[in-house]
Amino acid sequence: MSLDDLYREIILDHYAHPRNRGKLDPADISVEGANPLCGDELSLSARVEDGVIQEVRFEGRGCSISQASASMMTEEMKGKPLGEARALVEQFKAMMHGQPSTLEGSDLAALQGVRKFPVRVKCATLAWVALDQGVEEFSAGAPSKAHATTEAGE
């Protein structure tokens, strides 16, 4: 099996069997994300305790890349301190734009192939950009439910 085939399997598995699908209520972070170019939409919710993401879930609809990436992102973010979560978002965005990243050896590397199709990079980064905005608002002392609409322009 080639590396491309393995990556394709990882993406399809997360799309067919999404992890952490659902909504948290109550949630400390609640963010709506949209990619108007292809119609991807998602809602992220997270619980934060002592500056650490304890639980994160997503709901939405869209292409296999946006949904698989959201599933993968929720798995990566559980248990991460907020600062580390934001650094992980930056590493993911760097990888998606072809820059050096510490994620090259992780399952997230399965999404690297998407960068061959620049329009699809926005699909892959949608959940990450939305969570980053939610964490930013939460950290800035926004009300217990920070709401934001994010257009994946990253």
Protein backbone atom coordinates (compact mmCIF):
# COMPACT_ATOMS: atom_id res chain seq x y z
CA MET A 1 0.00 0.00 0.00
CA SER A 2 1.38 3.42 -0.95
CA LEU A 3 1.54 6.35 1.45
CA ASP A 4 -1.10 8.17 -0.63
CA ASP A 5 -3.43 5.16 -0.27
CA LEU A 6 -2.86 5.07 3.49
CA TYR A 7 -3.58 8.79 3.77
CA ARG A 8 -6.72 8.38 1.68
CA GLU A 9 -7.89 5.59 4.00
CA ILE A 10 -7.32 7.73 7.10
CA ILE A 11 -9.36 10.60 5.62
CA LEU A 12 -12.17 8.31 4.47
CA ASP A 13 -12.28 6.58 7.86
CA HIS A 14 -12.69 9.90 9.68
CA TYR A 15 -15.36 10.95 7.18
CA ALA A 16 -17.32 7.68 7.41
CA HIS A 17 -16.81 7.31 11.17
CA PRO A 18 -16.41 10.83 12.57
CA ARG A 19 -15.02 11.11 16.05
CA ASN A 20 -16.57 13.49 18.57
CA ARG A 21 -19.62 14.33 16.50
CA GLY A 22 -22.28 16.11 18.48
CA LYS A 23 -22.84 19.22 20.51
CA LEU A 24 -21.80 20.03 24.05
CA ASP A 25 -24.36 21.81 26.19
CA PRO A 26 -23.31 23.68 28.17
CA ALA A 27 -20.15 24.68 26.34
CA ASP A 28 -17.50 27.24 27.21
CA ILE A 29 -16.68 27.77 23.54
CA SER A 30 -19.27 27.70 20.77
CA VAL A 31 -18.24 28.65 17.24
CA GLU A 32 -19.94 28.53 13.87
CA GLY A 33 -17.70 28.07 10.85
CA ALA A 34 -18.51 28.40 7.17
CA ASN A 35 -16.65 28.08 3.91
CA PRO A 36 -18.90 29.81 1.37
CA LEU A 37 -16.78 28.65 -1.58
CA CYS A 38 -17.93 25.05 -1.27
CA GLY A 39 -20.77 25.18 1.25
CA ASP A 40 -19.01 23.56 4.22
CA GLU A 41 -20.66 24.45 7.52
CA LEU A 42 -19.84 23.38 11.03
CA SER A 43 -20.48 24.14 14.65
CA LEU A 44 -17.80 23.52 17.25
CA SER A 45 -18.34 23.35 20.97
CA ALA A 46 -15.77 22.83 23.69
CA ARG A 47 -15.51 22.63 27.45
CA VAL A 48 -12.49 24.23 29.08
CA GLU A 49 -11.35 23.59 32.63
CA ASP A 50 -8.31 25.23 34.20
CA GLY A 51 -7.14 26.41 30.78
CA VAL A 52 -7.30 22.91 29.24
CA ILE A 53 -9.70 21.70 26.54
CA GLN A 54 -11.49 18.83 28.25
CA GLU A 55 -14.00 18.02 25.54
CA VAL A 56 -14.55 19.22 21.97
CA ARG A 57 -17.22 18.22 19.48
CA PHE A 58 -18.46 19.25 16.07
CA GLU A 59 -21.58 19.09 13.95
CA GLY A 60 -22.03 20.11 10.37
CA ARG A 61 -22.07 19.15 6.79
CA GLY A 62 -19.67 19.48 3.95
CA CYS A 63 -17.13 17.70 1.86
CA SER A 64 -15.18 14.69 3.08
CA ILE A 65 -12.09 16.82 3.65
CA SER A 66 -13.78 19.37 5.92
CA GLN A 67 -15.59 16.71 7.93
CA ALA A 68 -12.57 14.40 8.25
CA SER A 69 -10.35 17.33 9.24
CA ALA A 70 -12.86 18.40 11.93
CA SER A 71 -12.93 14.83 13.28
CA MET A 72 -9.13 14.67 13.35
CA MET A 73 -8.89 18.11 14.96
CA THR A 74 -11.23 17.16 17.82
CA GLU A 75 -9.11 14.11 18.61
CA GLU A 76 -5.92 16.18 18.66
CA MET A 77 -7.32 18.96 20.85
CA LYS A 78 -8.67 16.96 23.79
CA GLY A 79 -6.48 17.51 26.82
CA LYS A 80 -4.50 20.36 25.26
CA PRO A 81 -3.88 23.59 27.18
CA LEU A 82 -5.31 26.55 25.26
CA GLY A 83 -1.89 27.92 24.31
CA GLU A 84 -0.77 24.54 23.01
CA ALA A 85 -4.04 24.20 21.06
CA ARG A 86 -3.43 27.53 19.34
CA ALA A 87 0.16 26.53 18.53
CA LEU A 88 -1.16 23.28 17.03
CA VAL A 89 -3.54 25.27 14.82
CA GLU A 90 -0.59 27.32 13.56
CA GLN A 91 1.42 24.14 12.86
CA PHE A 92 -1.51 22.65 10.96
CA LYS A 93 -1.98 25.80 8.86
CA ALA A 94 1.77 25.87 8.15
CA MET A 95 1.66 22.25 6.99
CA MET A 96 -1.35 22.96 4.78
CA HIS A 97 0.54 25.81 3.12
CA GLY A 98 3.65 23.69 2.46
CA GLN A 99 5.76 25.14 5.25
CA PRO A 100 7.82 23.05 7.67
CA SER A 101 5.68 21.60 10.43
CA THR A 102 6.03 19.31 13.41
CA LEU A 103 2.95 17.39 12.21
CA GLU A 104 4.63 15.60 9.33
CA GLY A 105 4.73 12.23 11.14
CA SER A 106 1.21 12.31 12.61
CA ASP A 107 -2.14 11.16 11.22
CA LEU A 108 -2.77 14.81 10.41
CA ALA A 109 -0.17 14.44 7.68
CA ALA A 110 -2.86 12.55 5.77
CA LEU A 111 -4.32 15.95 4.91
CA GLN A 112 -1.07 17.21 3.29
CA GLY A 113 -2.16 15.98 -0.12
CA VAL A 114 -4.98 18.51 -0.06
CA ARG A 115 -2.49 21.32 -0.59
CA LYS A 116 -2.13 20.17 -4.22
CA PHE A 117 -5.62 21.67 -4.61
CA PRO A 118 -5.43 25.21 -3.15
CA VAL A 119 -9.21 25.69 -3.09
CA ARG A 120 -9.53 22.59 -0.87
CA VAL A 121 -7.04 23.90 1.72
CA LYS A 122 -9.87 26.08 3.03
CA CYS A 123 -11.96 22.94 3.51
CA ALA A 124 -9.21 21.30 5.56
CA THR A 125 -8.52 24.36 7.73
CA LEU A 126 -12.15 25.34 8.42
CA ALA A 127 -12.51 23.56 11.78
CA TRP A 128 -9.02 24.62 12.87
CA VAL A 129 -9.59 28.30 12.09
CA ALA A 130 -12.98 28.21 13.83
CA LEU A 131 -11.58 26.62 16.98
CA ASP A 132 -8.68 29.08 17.03
CA GLN A 133 -11.12 32.00 16.89
CA GLY A 134 -13.24 30.49 19.65
CA VAL A 135 -10.20 29.94 21.88
CA GLU A 136 -9.05 33.50 21.20
CA GLU A 137 -12.41 34.95 22.23
CA PHE A 138 -12.64 32.67 25.28
CA SER A 139 -9.12 33.64 26.36
CA ALA A 140 -9.96 37.32 25.93
CA GLY A 141 -12.71 36.92 28.52
CA ALA A 142 -15.69 36.68 26.21
CA PRO A 143 -18.92 35.48 27.81
CA SER A 144 -19.10 31.80 28.69
CA LYS A 145 -20.30 31.05 25.16
CA ALA A 146 -18.16 32.82 22.57
CA HIS A 147 -19.89 32.96 19.21
CA ALA A 148 -18.11 33.69 15.96
CA THR A 149 -18.71 33.15 12.32
CA THR A 150 -15.53 32.11 10.62
CA GLU A 151 -14.98 32.11 6.92
CA ALA A 152 -11.98 29.91 6.29
CA GLY A 153 -9.75 32.43 4.66
CA GLU A 154 -6.56 30.77 5.83
